[in-house]
Amino acid sequence: MKTIRVVAAVIKAANEKGEPMIFATQRGYGEYKDGWEFPGGKIEEGETPEEALKREIMEELDTEISVGDLIHTVEYDYPNFHLSMDCFWCEIVSGDLVLKEHEAARWLTAKEIDEVDWLPADVILVEKIRL
């Protein structure tokens, strides 16, 4: 089975009440269209995971992020491939999170985190980061 190595950004912020929130995006294309995920993408040859994440978020969301600690590496078998996803805490440095490839996006508090239909690999990460 083919392995696909990707990175995912758990972008965190606080709402007006000071409650922690994370940023989630809804896929706008492909086999898993409409599923919710943490933004990110494939690691290109010669890139570190952190470099890939910064590039992907700039390409997909027109936003510069700082990449913090590794949260977890999710290993998940989809029907046609194995996903290895390095997941990092991130914060916005500059930009407005412009959706270029996604159908929708939401900031989710701890109470709202189960309101979206997460993709299977992302469910594993949600369990790891429950706010």
C-alpha atoms as a PDB file:
ATOM      1  CA  MET A   1       0.000   0.000   0.000  1.00  0.00           C
ATOM      2  CA  LYS A   2       1.262   3.451  -0.936  1.00  0.00           C
ATOM      3  CA  THR A   3       2.144   5.787   1.943  1.00  0.00           C
ATOM      4  CA  ILE A   4       1.357   9.485   1.648  1.00  0.00           C
ATOM      5  CA  ARG A   5       3.238  11.804   4.021  1.00  0.00           C
ATOM      6  CA  VAL A   6       1.443  14.983   4.913  1.00  0.00           C
ATOM      7  CA  VAL A   7       1.438  17.710   7.527  1.00  0.00           C
ATOM      8  CA  ALA A   8      -1.490  19.320   9.314  1.00  0.00           C
ATOM      9  CA  ALA A   9      -1.772  22.626  11.152  1.00  0.00           C
ATOM     10  CA  VAL A  10      -3.795  22.904  14.334  1.00  0.00           C
ATOM     11  CA  ILE A  11      -4.106  26.688  14.215  1.00  0.00           C
ATOM     12  CA  LYS A  12      -5.090  28.020  17.608  1.00  0.00           C
ATOM     13  CA  ALA A  13      -6.472  31.343  18.756  1.00  0.00           C
ATOM     14  CA  ALA A  14      -8.873  32.666  21.391  1.00  0.00           C
ATOM     15  CA  ASN A  15     -12.346  34.097  20.900  1.00  0.00           C
ATOM     16  CA  GLU A  16     -13.664  37.322  22.430  1.00  0.00           C
ATOM     17  CA  LYS A  17     -14.448  35.445  25.679  1.00  0.00           C
ATOM     18  CA  GLY A  18     -10.859  34.196  25.864  1.00  0.00           C
ATOM     19  CA  GLU A  19     -11.892  30.601  25.080  1.00  0.00           C
ATOM     20  CA  PRO A  20      -9.378  28.602  23.033  1.00  0.00           C
ATOM     21  CA  MET A  21     -10.417  27.806  19.468  1.00  0.00           C
ATOM     22  CA  ILE A  22      -8.971  25.756  16.618  1.00  0.00           C
ATOM     23  CA  PHE A  23      -9.365  26.276  12.870  1.00  0.00           C
ATOM     24  CA  ALA A  24     -10.977  23.554  10.738  1.00  0.00           C
ATOM     25  CA  THR A  25     -11.515  23.430   6.978  1.00  0.00           C
ATOM     26  CA  GLN A  26     -13.955  21.534   4.771  1.00  0.00           C
ATOM     27  CA  ARG A  27     -12.466  19.837   1.706  1.00  0.00           C
ATOM     28  CA  GLY A  28     -13.659  21.291  -1.572  1.00  0.00           C
ATOM     29  CA  TYR A  29     -12.400  18.569  -3.920  1.00  0.00           C
ATOM     30  CA  GLY A  30     -11.410  14.929  -4.348  1.00  0.00           C
ATOM     31  CA  GLU A  31     -12.576  11.638  -2.950  1.00  0.00           C
ATOM     32  CA  TYR A  32     -13.097  13.056   0.532  1.00  0.00           C
ATOM     33  CA  LYS A  33     -14.851  16.257  -0.587  1.00  0.00           C
ATOM     34  CA  ASP A  34     -17.003  17.852   2.151  1.00  0.00           C
ATOM     35  CA  GLY A  35     -15.132  16.104   4.986  1.00  0.00           C
ATOM     36  CA  TRP A  36     -13.631  18.341   7.670  1.00  0.00           C
ATOM     37  CA  GLU A  37      -9.907  18.390   8.322  1.00  0.00           C
ATOM     38  CA  PHE A  38      -7.036  20.388   9.691  1.00  0.00           C
ATOM     39  CA  PRO A  39      -5.414  22.368   6.853  1.00  0.00           C
ATOM     40  CA  GLY A  40      -2.081  21.256   5.437  1.00  0.00           C
ATOM     41  CA  GLY A  41      -0.814  19.044   2.652  1.00  0.00           C
ATOM     42  CA  LYS A  42       1.921  16.901   1.181  1.00  0.00           C
ATOM     43  CA  ILE A  43       5.572  17.215   2.117  1.00  0.00           C
ATOM     44  CA  GLU A  44       7.660  17.852  -1.002  1.00  0.00           C
ATOM     45  CA  GLU A  45      11.094  16.340  -1.513  1.00  0.00           C
ATOM     46  CA  GLY A  46      13.779  18.237   0.389  1.00  0.00           C
ATOM     47  CA  GLU A  47      11.310  19.958   2.755  1.00  0.00           C
ATOM     48  CA  THR A  48      11.099  19.545   6.497  1.00  0.00           C
ATOM     49  CA  PRO A  49       7.563  19.000   7.816  1.00  0.00           C
ATOM     50  CA  GLU A  50       7.618  22.517   9.270  1.00  0.00           C
ATOM     51  CA  GLU A  51       8.642  24.061   5.921  1.00  0.00           C
ATOM     52  CA  ALA A  52       5.935  22.076   4.125  1.00  0.00           C
ATOM     53  CA  LEU A  53       3.313  23.278   6.582  1.00  0.00           C
ATOM     54  CA  LYS A  54       4.268  26.933   6.209  1.00  0.00           C
ATOM     55  CA  ARG A  55       4.200  26.598   2.399  1.00  0.00           C
ATOM     56  CA  GLU A  56       0.877  24.719   2.317  1.00  0.00           C
ATOM     57  CA  ILE A  57      -0.917  27.198   4.600  1.00  0.00           C
ATOM     58  CA  MET A  58       0.385  30.118   2.521  1.00  0.00           C
ATOM     59  CA  GLU A  59      -0.783  28.390  -0.698  1.00  0.00           C
ATOM     60  CA  GLU A  60      -4.176  27.233   0.621  1.00  0.00           C
ATOM     61  CA  LEU A  61      -5.103  30.069   2.988  1.00  0.00           C
ATOM     62  CA  ASP A  62      -2.883  33.028   2.018  1.00  0.00           C
ATOM     63  CA  THR A  63      -1.704  33.175   5.632  1.00  0.00           C
ATOM     64  CA  GLU A  64       1.720  33.074   7.281  1.00  0.00           C
ATOM     65  CA  ILE A  65       1.922  30.836  10.338  1.00  0.00           C
ATOM     66  CA  SER A  66       4.461  29.996  12.994  1.00  0.00           C
ATOM     67  CA  VAL A  67       4.862  26.258  13.555  1.00  0.00           C
ATOM     68  CA  GLY A  68       5.104  25.114  17.147  1.00  0.00           C
ATOM     69  CA  ASP A  69       5.406  21.718  18.800  1.00  0.00           C
ATOM     70  CA  LEU A  70       4.601  18.410  17.149  1.00  0.00           C
ATOM     71  CA  ILE A  71       1.347  17.155  18.669  1.00  0.00           C
ATOM     72  CA  HIS A  72       1.249  13.673  17.179  1.00  0.00           C
ATOM     73  CA  THR A  73       1.942  11.704  14.003  1.00  0.00           C
ATOM     74  CA  VAL A  74      -1.301  10.081  12.894  1.00  0.00           C
ATOM     75  CA  GLU A  75      -0.930   6.774  11.046  1.00  0.00           C
ATOM     76  CA  TYR A  76      -4.165   5.804   9.298  1.00  0.00           C
ATOM     77  CA  ASP A  77      -5.077   3.255   6.611  1.00  0.00           C
ATOM     78  CA  TYR A  78      -7.561   4.604   4.084  1.00  0.00           C
ATOM     79  CA  PRO A  79      -8.884   2.061   1.535  1.00  0.00           C
ATOM     80  CA  ASN A  80      -6.370   3.078  -1.176  1.00  0.00           C
ATOM     81  CA  PHE A  81      -3.376   4.426   0.768  1.00  0.00           C
ATOM     82  CA  HIS A  82      -1.680   4.732   4.157  1.00  0.00           C
ATOM     83  CA  LEU A  83      -1.617   8.266   5.579  1.00  0.00           C
ATOM     84  CA  SER A  84       1.250   9.432   7.780  1.00  0.00           C
ATOM     85  CA  MET A  85       0.311  12.896   9.076  1.00  0.00           C
ATOM     86  CA  ASP A  86       2.613  15.037  11.244  1.00  0.00           C
ATOM     87  CA  CYS A  87       0.378  17.403  13.218  1.00  0.00           C
ATOM     88  CA  PHE A  88       1.685  20.639  14.731  1.00  0.00           C
ATOM     89  CA  TRP A  89       0.355  23.434  16.918  1.00  0.00           C
ATOM     90  CA  CYS A  90       0.406  26.645  14.865  1.00  0.00           C
ATOM     91  CA  GLU A  91      -0.431  30.306  15.252  1.00  0.00           C
ATOM     92  CA  ILE A  92      -1.166  33.017  12.709  1.00  0.00           C
ATOM     93  CA  VAL A  93       1.663  35.484  12.067  1.00  0.00           C
ATOM     94  CA  SER A  94      -0.090  37.473   9.322  1.00  0.00           C
ATOM     95  CA  GLY A  95      -2.959  37.055   6.895  1.00  0.00           C
ATOM     96  CA  ASP A  96      -6.706  36.507   6.988  1.00  0.00           C
ATOM     97  CA  LEU A  97      -7.167  32.765   6.281  1.00  0.00           C
ATOM     98  CA  VAL A  98      -8.523  33.200   2.739  1.00  0.00           C
ATOM     99  CA  LEU A  99     -10.132  29.966   1.486  1.00  0.00           C
ATOM    100  CA  LYS A 100      -8.528  29.115  -1.868  1.00  0.00           C
ATOM    101  CA  GLU A 101      -9.131  25.352  -2.003  1.00  0.00           C
ATOM    102  CA  HIS A 102     -11.648  24.655   0.752  1.00  0.00           C
ATOM    103  CA  GLU A 103     -15.424  24.841   0.656  1.00  0.00           C
ATOM    104  CA  ALA A 104     -15.851  26.223   4.166  1.00  0.00           C
ATOM    105  CA  ALA A 105     -13.999  26.844   7.416  1.00  0.00           C
ATOM    106  CA  ARG A 106     -14.864  27.323  11.069  1.00  0.00           C
ATOM    107  CA  TRP A 107     -13.222  28.311  14.303  1.00  0.00           C
ATOM    108  CA  LEU A 108     -14.271  25.667  16.837  1.00  0.00           C
ATOM    109  CA  THR A 109     -14.245  25.874  20.622  1.00  0.00           C
ATOM    110  CA  ALA A 110     -14.044  22.765  22.809  1.00  0.00           C
ATOM    111  CA  LYS A 111     -17.861  22.651  22.907  1.00  0.00           C
ATOM    112  CA  GLU A 112     -18.133  22.872  19.122  1.00  0.00           C
ATOM    113  CA  ILE A 113     -15.350  20.483  18.075  1.00  0.00           C
ATOM    114  CA  ASP A 114     -17.758  17.580  17.455  1.00  0.00           C
ATOM    115  CA  GLU A 115     -20.179  19.656  15.353  1.00  0.00           C
ATOM    116  CA  VAL A 116     -18.343  18.950  12.077  1.00  0.00           C
ATOM    117  CA  ASP A 117     -17.926  15.658  10.208  1.00  0.00           C
ATOM    118  CA  TRP A 118     -14.166  15.066  10.601  1.00  0.00           C
ATOM    119  CA  LEU A 119     -12.299  12.836   8.154  1.00  0.00           C
ATOM    120  CA  PRO A 120     -11.210   9.556   9.814  1.00  0.00           C
ATOM    121  CA  ALA A 121      -7.517  10.418  10.271  1.00  0.00           C
ATOM    122  CA  ASP A 122      -8.444  13.832  11.673  1.00  0.00           C
ATOM    123  CA  VAL A 123     -10.761  12.207  14.244  1.00  0.00           C
ATOM    124  CA  ILE A 124      -7.633  10.667  15.797  1.00  0.00           C
ATOM    125  CA  LEU A 125      -6.045  14.119  16.075  1.00  0.00           C
ATOM    126  CA  VAL A 126      -9.223  15.655  17.528  1.00  0.00           C
ATOM    127  CA  GLU A 127      -9.062  13.100  20.334  1.00  0.00           C
ATOM    128  CA  LYS A 128      -5.430  14.078  21.023  1.00  0.00           C
ATOM    129  CA  ILE A 129      -6.064  17.819  21.228  1.00  0.00           C
ATOM    130  CA  ARG A 130      -9.405  18.115  22.976  1.00  0.00           C
ATOM    131  CA  LEU A 131      -9.194  21.608  24.402  1.00  0.00           C
END
